[in-house]
Amino acid sequence: WGSPRVTLLLNAGQKDKALSLVKALATDHPHDHHLQWQYAQNAASAGDYEAAYAWLNRVLVPEAKWQPGEEESLRSLFVDLLQQQGRDRDQADYLAEWIKRKPESPNPYGQYLTALVRSNQAGQAETVALQWLREAQGSGEPAASQGRLSAAVNFALGQGYNLYVQRFDERWHAPLAEAALFIAACEERSEEHTSELQSHHDL
């Protein structure tokens, strides 16, 4: 009953009561990631960004044992709030710490490259993207590696995360060609493995 009441209070313009209620709900249900997200979002909407950041830092601890998608949702909110405030450098720093955890989704990697560009660190973004293109071809961490590779390829093609460039820089030709050959080889091996499994199954 609590969540619908929060919506009713917000619609009635009673933001303080809504914020107080959702905070109580989030406190009472610490394993409900949506309530944690909702409180932080509502706090920021009320102008109290510091309370939102403090709450997210409070719940984003290893002991919480969030599922990957839940953790990404909470961390993405943190990143979005920094962007709303125009804190590009802080956003880049936060994302740098996040990607050290090797998330599987390509989003934080793409966001990191964009944040570097927007915080006047375009050279660093290009260096990181090139490094990811090369590292992904020999990494033993398939999920995280694929996330970095996807982000790097999109960046090199001028189609970064919320960052589009209407031209393709020729210096990316060689590293992208190497990445393309690597991807093709991986797909070929995957198809061969699938065929082998099917053959064994048929036998």
Protein backbone atom coordinates (compact mmCIF):
# COMPACT_ATOMS: atom_id res chain seq x y z
CA TRP A 1 0.00 0.00 0.00
CA GLY A 2 2.93 2.33 0.63
CA SER A 3 4.10 2.89 -2.95
CA PRO A 4 0.67 3.88 -4.33
CA ARG A 5 0.29 6.29 -1.42
CA VAL A 6 3.61 7.92 -2.33
CA THR A 7 2.27 8.52 -5.84
CA LEU A 8 -0.96 9.99 -4.45
CA LEU A 9 0.96 12.33 -2.15
CA LEU A 10 3.18 13.49 -5.02
CA ASN A 11 0.13 14.10 -7.23
CA ALA A 12 -1.40 16.12 -4.40
CA GLY A 13 1.72 18.28 -4.19
CA GLN A 14 2.68 16.97 -0.76
CA LYS A 15 6.31 16.28 -1.64
CA ASP A 16 7.66 16.39 1.92
CA LYS A 17 5.19 13.76 3.11
CA ALA A 18 5.86 11.61 0.05
CA LEU A 19 9.62 11.80 0.59
CA SER A 20 9.26 10.95 4.26
CA LEU A 21 7.06 7.96 3.46
CA VAL A 22 9.28 6.54 0.73
CA LYS A 23 12.32 6.92 2.99
CA ALA A 24 10.52 4.95 5.69
CA LEU A 25 9.58 2.28 3.17
CA ALA A 26 13.15 2.05 1.87
CA THR A 27 14.44 1.75 5.42
CA ASP A 28 11.94 -0.96 6.31
CA HIS A 29 12.64 -2.91 3.10
CA PRO A 30 16.41 -2.64 2.55
CA HIS A 31 16.45 -5.44 -0.03
CA ASP A 32 13.89 -3.78 -2.31
CA HIS A 33 16.09 -2.04 -4.83
CA HIS A 34 13.17 -0.16 -6.39
CA LEU A 35 12.38 1.56 -3.07
CA GLN A 36 16.05 2.51 -2.65
CA TRP A 37 16.04 3.93 -6.17
CA GLN A 38 12.74 5.72 -5.61
CA TYR A 39 13.88 7.45 -2.43
CA ALA A 40 17.14 8.66 -3.98
CA GLN A 41 15.33 9.90 -7.09
CA ASN A 42 12.67 11.70 -5.04
CA ALA A 43 15.30 13.28 -2.79
CA ALA A 44 17.12 14.65 -5.83
CA SER A 45 13.86 15.85 -7.37
CA ALA A 46 13.24 17.77 -4.14
CA GLY A 47 16.63 19.45 -4.59
CA ASP A 48 18.52 17.45 -1.98
CA TYR A 49 21.13 15.83 -4.19
CA GLU A 50 23.52 15.24 -1.31
CA ALA A 51 20.89 13.15 0.49
CA ALA A 52 20.36 11.15 -2.69
CA TYR A 53 24.10 10.49 -3.11
CA ALA A 54 24.49 9.59 0.55
CA TRP A 55 21.60 7.14 0.36
CA LEU A 56 22.92 5.45 -2.76
CA ASN A 57 26.37 5.13 -1.21
CA ARG A 58 24.73 3.67 1.88
CA VAL A 59 22.93 0.93 -0.01
CA LEU A 60 25.59 0.21 -2.64
CA VAL A 61 27.77 -1.92 -0.39
CA PRO A 62 28.93 -5.51 -0.97
CA GLU A 63 26.85 -6.70 1.99
CA ALA A 64 23.66 -5.75 0.13
CA LYS A 65 24.36 -8.47 -2.48
CA TRP A 66 22.36 -6.81 -5.25
CA GLN A 67 21.75 -8.68 -8.47
CA PRO A 68 23.80 -7.24 -11.40
CA GLY A 69 20.75 -5.55 -12.93
CA GLU A 70 19.73 -4.04 -9.59
CA GLU A 71 23.20 -2.70 -8.91
CA GLU A 72 23.39 -1.23 -12.39
CA SER A 73 20.04 0.51 -11.88
CA LEU A 74 21.20 2.14 -8.63
CA ARG A 75 24.63 3.11 -9.94
CA SER A 76 23.12 4.44 -13.16
CA LEU A 77 20.90 6.72 -11.09
CA PHE A 78 23.99 8.05 -9.30
CA VAL A 79 25.59 8.76 -12.67
CA ASP A 80 22.43 10.41 -14.03
CA LEU A 81 22.17 12.70 -11.00
CA LEU A 82 25.77 13.84 -11.46
CA GLN A 83 24.98 14.57 -15.10
CA GLN A 84 21.90 16.58 -14.11
CA GLN A 85 24.17 18.78 -12.01
CA GLY A 86 26.73 19.14 -14.79
CA ARG A 87 29.40 17.43 -12.70
CA ASP A 88 31.19 15.81 -15.62
CA ARG A 89 34.53 15.29 -13.87
CA ASP A 90 32.87 13.70 -10.84
CA GLN A 91 30.81 11.54 -13.19
CA ALA A 92 33.97 10.32 -14.92
CA ASP A 93 35.62 9.56 -11.57
CA TYR A 94 32.58 7.65 -10.32
CA LEU A 95 32.36 5.60 -13.50
CA ALA A 96 36.09 4.87 -13.32
CA GLU A 97 35.53 3.28 -9.91
CA TRP A 98 32.44 1.44 -11.12
CA ILE A 99 34.12 -0.22 -14.10
CA LYS A 100 36.87 -1.50 -11.81
CA ARG A 101 34.20 -3.91 -10.60
CA LYS A 102 34.04 -5.30 -14.18
CA PRO A 103 30.29 -5.04 -14.78
CA GLU A 104 28.93 -7.18 -17.60
CA SER A 105 26.77 -4.49 -19.22
CA PRO A 106 28.42 -2.27 -21.86
CA ASN A 107 26.56 0.80 -20.54
CA PRO A 108 28.97 1.91 -17.78
CA TYR A 109 31.93 1.53 -20.13
CA GLY A 110 30.22 3.63 -22.78
CA GLN A 111 29.17 6.18 -20.18
CA TYR A 112 32.74 6.39 -18.93
CA LEU A 113 34.14 7.22 -22.36
CA THR A 114 31.47 9.88 -22.85
CA ALA A 115 32.10 11.35 -19.41
CA LEU A 116 35.81 11.63 -20.21
CA VAL A 117 35.04 13.54 -23.40
CA ARG A 118 32.59 15.88 -21.66
CA SER A 119 35.08 16.59 -18.88
CA ASN A 120 37.73 17.73 -21.41
CA GLN A 121 39.61 14.42 -21.35
CA ALA A 122 38.97 13.36 -24.93
CA GLY A 123 42.56 12.18 -25.36
CA GLN A 124 42.19 9.88 -22.36
CA ALA A 125 38.90 8.54 -23.77
CA GLU A 126 40.60 7.65 -27.05
CA THR A 127 43.49 5.97 -25.24
CA VAL A 128 41.11 3.90 -23.10
CA ALA A 129 38.95 2.92 -26.08
CA LEU A 130 42.01 1.74 -28.02
CA GLN A 131 43.23 -0.20 -24.98
CA TRP A 132 39.84 -1.92 -24.65
CA LEU A 133 39.81 -2.85 -28.32
CA ARG A 134 43.14 -4.60 -27.91
CA GLU A 135 42.59 -6.12 -24.48
CA ALA A 136 39.23 -7.66 -25.42
CA GLN A 137 40.97 -9.83 -28.00
CA GLY A 138 42.93 -11.71 -25.38
CA SER A 139 40.90 -11.34 -22.22
CA GLY A 140 39.88 -14.23 -20.02
CA GLU A 141 36.84 -12.32 -18.75
CA PRO A 142 34.28 -12.86 -21.54
CA ALA A 143 31.33 -10.87 -20.14
CA ALA A 144 33.19 -7.77 -18.95
CA SER A 145 35.51 -7.96 -21.94
CA GLN A 146 32.60 -7.96 -24.37
CA GLY A 147 31.10 -4.96 -22.58
CA ARG A 148 34.32 -3.00 -22.97
CA LEU A 149 34.71 -4.12 -26.58
CA SER A 150 31.18 -3.05 -27.48
CA ALA A 151 31.64 0.36 -25.86
CA ALA A 152 35.00 0.88 -27.57
CA VAL A 153 33.70 -0.09 -31.02
CA ASN A 154 30.72 2.26 -30.73
CA PHE A 155 32.98 5.07 -29.55
CA ALA A 156 35.41 4.52 -32.42
CA LEU A 157 32.51 4.59 -34.90
CA GLY A 158 31.37 7.95 -33.52
CA GLN A 159 28.32 6.39 -31.88
CA GLY A 160 29.25 6.59 -28.22
CA TYR A 161 26.85 6.58 -25.29
CA ASN A 162 24.76 9.75 -25.87
CA LEU A 163 27.70 11.02 -27.88
CA TYR A 164 27.40 11.07 -31.66
CA VAL A 165 30.02 12.37 -34.09
CA GLN A 166 29.07 12.85 -37.72
CA ARG A 167 32.42 11.68 -39.06
CA PHE A 168 34.62 8.60 -38.89
CA ASP A 169 38.29 9.15 -38.01
CA GLU A 170 40.56 7.08 -40.28
CA ARG A 171 42.97 6.29 -37.44
CA TRP A 172 40.41 3.85 -36.09
CA HIS A 173 40.45 1.77 -39.30
CA ALA A 174 43.23 -0.62 -38.25
CA PRO A 175 42.15 -1.30 -34.64
CA LEU A 176 38.53 -1.75 -35.73
CA ALA A 177 39.58 -4.14 -38.49
CA GLU A 178 41.51 -6.21 -35.94
CA ALA A 179 38.50 -6.24 -33.64
CA ALA A 180 36.22 -7.27 -36.49
CA LEU A 181 38.48 -10.20 -37.39
CA PHE A 182 38.57 -11.25 -33.75
CA ILE A 183 34.76 -11.13 -33.45
CA ALA A 184 34.36 -13.11 -36.68
CA ALA A 185 36.80 -15.76 -35.46
CA CYS A 186 34.95 -16.05 -32.14
CA GLU A 187 31.63 -16.47 -33.91
CA GLU A 188 33.12 -19.13 -36.17
CA ARG A 189 34.48 -21.08 -33.19
CA SER A 190 31.12 -20.76 -31.45
CA GLU A 191 29.31 -22.16 -34.49
CA GLU A 192 31.77 -25.06 -34.74
CA HIS A 193 31.30 -25.83 -31.05
CA THR A 194 27.52 -25.78 -31.45
CA SER A 195 27.77 -28.16 -34.43
CA GLU A 196 29.95 -30.53 -32.44
CA LEU A 197 27.50 -30.57 -29.55
CA GLN A 198 24.64 -31.22 -31.93
CA SER A 199 26.54 -34.10 -33.55
CA HIS A 200 27.18 -35.71 -30.17
CA HIS A 201 23.56 -35.26 -29.24
CA ASP A 202 22.42 -36.93 -32.46
CA LEU A 203 24.67 -39.90 -31.75
